[in-house]
C-alpha atoms as a PDB file:
ATOM      1  CA  UNK A   1     134.121 103.500 122.723  1.00  0.00           C
ATOM      2  CA  UNK A   2     133.570 105.317 125.856  1.00  0.00           C
ATOM      3  CA  UNK A   3     134.827 104.179 129.327  1.00  0.00           C
ATOM      4  CA  UNK A   4     131.218 104.248 130.297  1.00  0.00           C
ATOM      5  CA  UNK A   5     130.626 101.205 127.686  1.00  0.00           C
ATOM      6  CA  UNK A   6     133.222  99.288 129.475  1.00  0.00           C
ATOM      7  CA  UNK A   7     131.131  98.215 132.626  1.00  0.00           C
ATOM      8  CA  UNK A   8     131.303  95.425 135.022  1.00  0.00           C
ATOM      9  CA  UNK A   9     129.846  92.122 133.712  1.00  0.00           C
ATOM     10  CA  UNK A  10     128.359  89.110 136.031  1.00  0.00           C
ATOM     11  CA  UNK A  11     131.069  86.317 135.603  1.00  0.00           C
ATOM     12  CA  UNK A  12     129.004  83.743 136.847  1.00  0.00           C
ATOM     13  CA  UNK A  13     126.831  83.652 133.478  1.00  0.00           C
ATOM     14  CA  UNK A  14     127.332  80.495 131.681  1.00  0.00           C
ATOM     15  CA  UNK A  15     127.257  82.347 128.343  1.00  0.00           C
ATOM     16  CA  UNK A  16     129.941  84.826 129.191  1.00  0.00           C
ATOM     17  CA  UNK A  17     130.918  87.194 126.477  1.00  0.00           C
ATOM     18  CA  UNK A  18     134.663  87.377 126.503  1.00  0.00           C
ATOM     19  CA  UNK A  19     134.374  90.109 123.528  1.00  0.00           C
ATOM     20  CA  UNK A  20     132.875  92.671 125.641  1.00  0.00           C
ATOM     21  CA  UNK A  21     134.836  95.681 124.971  1.00  0.00           C
ATOM     22  CA  UNK A  22     136.894  97.108 127.939  1.00  0.00           C
ATOM     23  CA  UNK A  23     139.409  99.963 128.238  1.00  0.00           C
ATOM     24  CA  UNK A  24     143.156  99.547 129.163  1.00  0.00           C
ATOM     25  CA  UNK A  25     143.778 100.858 132.640  1.00  0.00           C
ATOM     26  CA  UNK A  26     147.191 102.082 131.528  1.00  0.00           C
ATOM     27  CA  UNK A  27     146.631 103.419 127.826  1.00  0.00           C
ATOM     28  CA  UNK A  28     143.139 104.335 128.058  1.00  0.00           C
ATOM     29  CA  UNK A  29     142.284 102.965 124.781  1.00  0.00           C
ATOM     30  CA  UNK A  30     140.332  99.790 123.953  1.00  0.00           C
ATOM     31  CA  UNK A  31     141.965  96.430 124.374  1.00  0.00           C
ATOM     32  CA  UNK A  32     142.873  94.750 120.801  1.00  0.00           C
ATOM     33  CA  UNK A  33     140.283  92.107 119.988  1.00  0.00           C
ATOM     34  CA  UNK A  34     141.769  91.071 116.443  1.00  0.00           C
ATOM     35  CA  UNK A  35     145.296  89.589 116.827  1.00  0.00           C
ATOM     36  CA  UNK A  36     145.400  86.315 118.772  1.00  0.00           C
ATOM     37  CA  UNK A  37     148.505  85.855 121.324  1.00  0.00           C
ATOM     38  CA  UNK A  38     149.786  83.332 123.734  1.00  0.00           C
ATOM     39  CA  UNK A  39     150.789  84.287 127.304  1.00  0.00           C
ATOM     40  CA  UNK A  40     152.024  82.156 130.355  1.00  0.00           C
ATOM     41  CA  UNK A  41     150.767  83.038 133.729  1.00  0.00           C
ATOM     42  CA  UNK A  42     152.855  82.112 136.681  1.00  0.00           C
ATOM     43  CA  UNK A  43     149.671  81.969 139.655  1.00  0.00           C
ATOM     44  CA  UNK A  44     150.173  82.430 143.159  1.00  0.00           C
ATOM     45  CA  UNK A  45     149.787  79.460 145.027  1.00  0.00           C
ATOM     46  CA  UNK A  46     146.332  78.873 146.323  1.00  0.00           C
ATOM     47  CA  UNK A  47     144.373  76.686 148.890  1.00  0.00           C
ATOM     48  CA  UNK A  48     142.186  74.118 147.148  1.00  0.00           C
ATOM     49  CA  UNK A  49     140.219  71.592 148.877  1.00  0.00           C
ATOM     50  CA  UNK A  50     141.029  68.078 148.791  1.00  0.00           C
ATOM     51  CA  UNK A  51     139.463  64.851 150.375  1.00  0.00           C
ATOM     52  CA  UNK A  52     141.316  62.978 152.786  1.00  0.00           C
ATOM     53  CA  UNK A  53     140.181  59.314 153.922  1.00  0.00           C
ATOM     54  CA  UNK A  54     140.363  59.258 157.570  1.00  0.00           C
ATOM     55  CA  UNK A  55     140.437  55.833 159.401  1.00  0.00           C
ATOM     56  CA  UNK A  56     139.273  56.238 162.884  1.00  0.00           C
ATOM     57  CA  UNK A  57     139.513  53.576 165.818  1.00  0.00           C
ATOM     58  CA  UNK A  58     136.672  51.605 166.062  1.00  0.00           C
ATOM     59  CA  UNK A  59     135.061  52.929 163.010  1.00  0.00           C
ATOM     60  CA  UNK A  60     134.638  52.137 159.266  1.00  0.00           C
ATOM     61  CA  UNK A  61     136.250  55.676 158.339  1.00  0.00           C
ATOM     62  CA  UNK A  62     135.167  58.533 156.458  1.00  0.00           C
ATOM     63  CA  UNK A  63     136.359  61.259 154.118  1.00  0.00           C
ATOM     64  CA  UNK A  64     137.330  64.517 155.754  1.00  0.00           C
ATOM     65  CA  UNK A  65     137.877  67.899 153.886  1.00  0.00           C
ATOM     66  CA  UNK A  66     141.176  69.314 154.008  1.00  0.00           C
ATOM     67  CA  UNK A  67     142.938  72.135 151.954  1.00  0.00           C
ATOM     68  CA  UNK A  68     146.374  71.952 150.178  1.00  0.00           C
ATOM     69  CA  UNK A  69     148.620  74.584 148.794  1.00  0.00           C
ATOM     70  CA  UNK A  70     148.939  74.452 145.075  1.00  0.00           C
ATOM     71  CA  UNK A  71     150.770  76.603 142.599  1.00  0.00           C
ATOM     72  CA  UNK A  72     149.848  76.659 138.880  1.00  0.00           C
ATOM     73  CA  UNK A  73     151.449  77.606 135.450  1.00  0.00           C
ATOM     74  CA  UNK A  74     148.990  78.107 132.626  1.00  0.00           C
ATOM     75  CA  UNK A  75     149.316  78.958 129.191  1.00  0.00           C
ATOM     76  CA  UNK A  76     146.180  81.006 127.736  1.00  0.00           C
ATOM     77  CA  UNK A  77     145.474  81.622 124.067  1.00  0.00           C
ATOM     78  CA  UNK A  78     143.079  84.435 122.828  1.00  0.00           C
ATOM     79  CA  UNK A  79     143.163  87.966 121.941  1.00  0.00           C
ATOM     80  CA  UNK A  80     144.284  90.656 124.456  1.00  0.00           C
ATOM     81  CA  UNK A  81     140.396  91.574 125.317  1.00  0.00           C
ATOM     82  CA  UNK A  82     139.603  87.754 125.592  1.00  0.00           C
ATOM     83  CA  UNK A  83     142.705  87.195 127.756  1.00  0.00           C
ATOM     84  CA  UNK A  84     141.710  90.139 130.289  1.00  0.00           C
ATOM     85  CA  UNK A  85     138.125  88.988 130.662  1.00  0.00           C
ATOM     86  CA  UNK A  86     139.212  85.539 131.113  1.00  0.00           C
ATOM     87  CA  UNK A  87     141.757  86.745 133.908  1.00  0.00           C
ATOM     88  CA  UNK A  88     138.998  88.950 135.617  1.00  0.00           C
ATOM     89  CA  UNK A  89     136.496  85.689 135.612  1.00  0.00           C
ATOM     90  CA  UNK A  90     138.982  83.323 136.885  1.00  0.00           C
ATOM     91  CA  UNK A  91     140.454  85.942 139.423  1.00  0.00           C
ATOM     92  CA  UNK A  92     136.463  86.295 140.801  1.00  0.00           C
ATOM     93  CA  UNK A  93     135.258  82.825 140.737  1.00  0.00           C
ATOM     94  CA  UNK A  94     138.744  81.060 141.695  1.00  0.00           C
ATOM     95  CA  UNK A  95     140.833  83.683 143.155  1.00  0.00           C
ATOM     96  CA  UNK A  96     143.693  83.226 140.642  1.00  0.00           C
ATOM     97  CA  UNK A  97     146.386  85.821 141.159  1.00  0.00           C
ATOM     98  CA  UNK A  98     149.693  86.294 139.067  1.00  0.00           C
ATOM     99  CA  UNK A  99     152.871  86.308 140.169  1.00  0.00           C
ATOM    100  CA  UNK A 100     154.191  86.811 136.599  1.00  0.00           C
ATOM    101  CA  UNK A 101     153.032  86.961 133.008  1.00  0.00           C
ATOM    102  CA  UNK A 102     155.131  86.777 129.700  1.00  0.00           C
ATOM    103  CA  UNK A 103     154.283  86.378 125.977  1.00  0.00           C
ATOM    104  CA  UNK A 104     155.168  83.147 124.626  1.00  0.00           C
ATOM    105  CA  UNK A 105     155.264  81.488 121.029  1.00  0.00           C
ATOM    106  CA  UNK A 106     151.850  81.031 119.421  1.00  0.00           C
ATOM    107  CA  UNK A 107     152.123  77.561 118.281  1.00  0.00           C
ATOM    108  CA  UNK A 108     149.747  76.236 115.279  1.00  0.00           C
ATOM    109  CA  UNK A 109     148.303  73.549 117.554  1.00  0.00           C
ATOM    110  CA  UNK A 110     147.350  76.313 119.995  1.00  0.00           C
ATOM    111  CA  UNK A 111     145.741  78.340 117.112  1.00  0.00           C
ATOM    112  CA  UNK A 112     143.852  75.308 115.730  1.00  0.00           C
ATOM    113  CA  UNK A 113     142.349  74.843 119.388  1.00  0.00           C
ATOM    114  CA  UNK A 114     141.486  78.452 119.665  1.00  0.00           C
ATOM    115  CA  UNK A 115     140.011  78.486 116.098  1.00  0.00           C
ATOM    116  CA  UNK A 116     137.306  75.737 116.987  1.00  0.00           C
ATOM    117  CA  UNK A 117     135.204  77.867 119.117  1.00  0.00           C
ATOM    118  CA  UNK A 118     136.925  81.477 119.068  1.00  0.00           C
ATOM    119  CA  UNK A 119     137.006  81.794 122.794  1.00  0.00           C
ATOM    120  CA  UNK A 120     140.091  82.083 125.136  1.00  0.00           C
ATOM    121  CA  UNK A 121     141.475  78.605 126.142  1.00  0.00           C
ATOM    122  CA  UNK A 122     143.773  77.494 129.018  1.00  0.00           C
ATOM    123  CA  UNK A 123     146.632  75.104 128.920  1.00  0.00           C
ATOM    124  CA  UNK A 124     147.974  73.709 132.061  1.00  0.00           C
ATOM    125  CA  UNK A 125     151.652  73.743 132.163  1.00  0.00           C
ATOM    126  CA  UNK A 126     153.550  70.618 133.811  1.00  0.00           C
END
């Protein structure tokens, strides 16, 4: 595979191909798409919209938009290539940024969830 083959893909597609080949920025080699791994992502806090009920004097009240700062921790399961493509998609669509990432144990239940459709999965950590 050549670097020219690793072009930008439109993330807005509903049938996004997480297996589209990409070249590693650091090693200049194709990302692995055979071994399933699990990673934890510590995401930077981001603003998310929330509705708030506002009771005004002399009226029935209404919902107004407000924003709150939310930090999240997630576990992702997939191949190295799929996880890279998933992060690019989430960054583009939802503004995800990581503070840190690390490998974690790939449990059997995670692998079973992944094997149902062979696409990367996101597990919210509490």
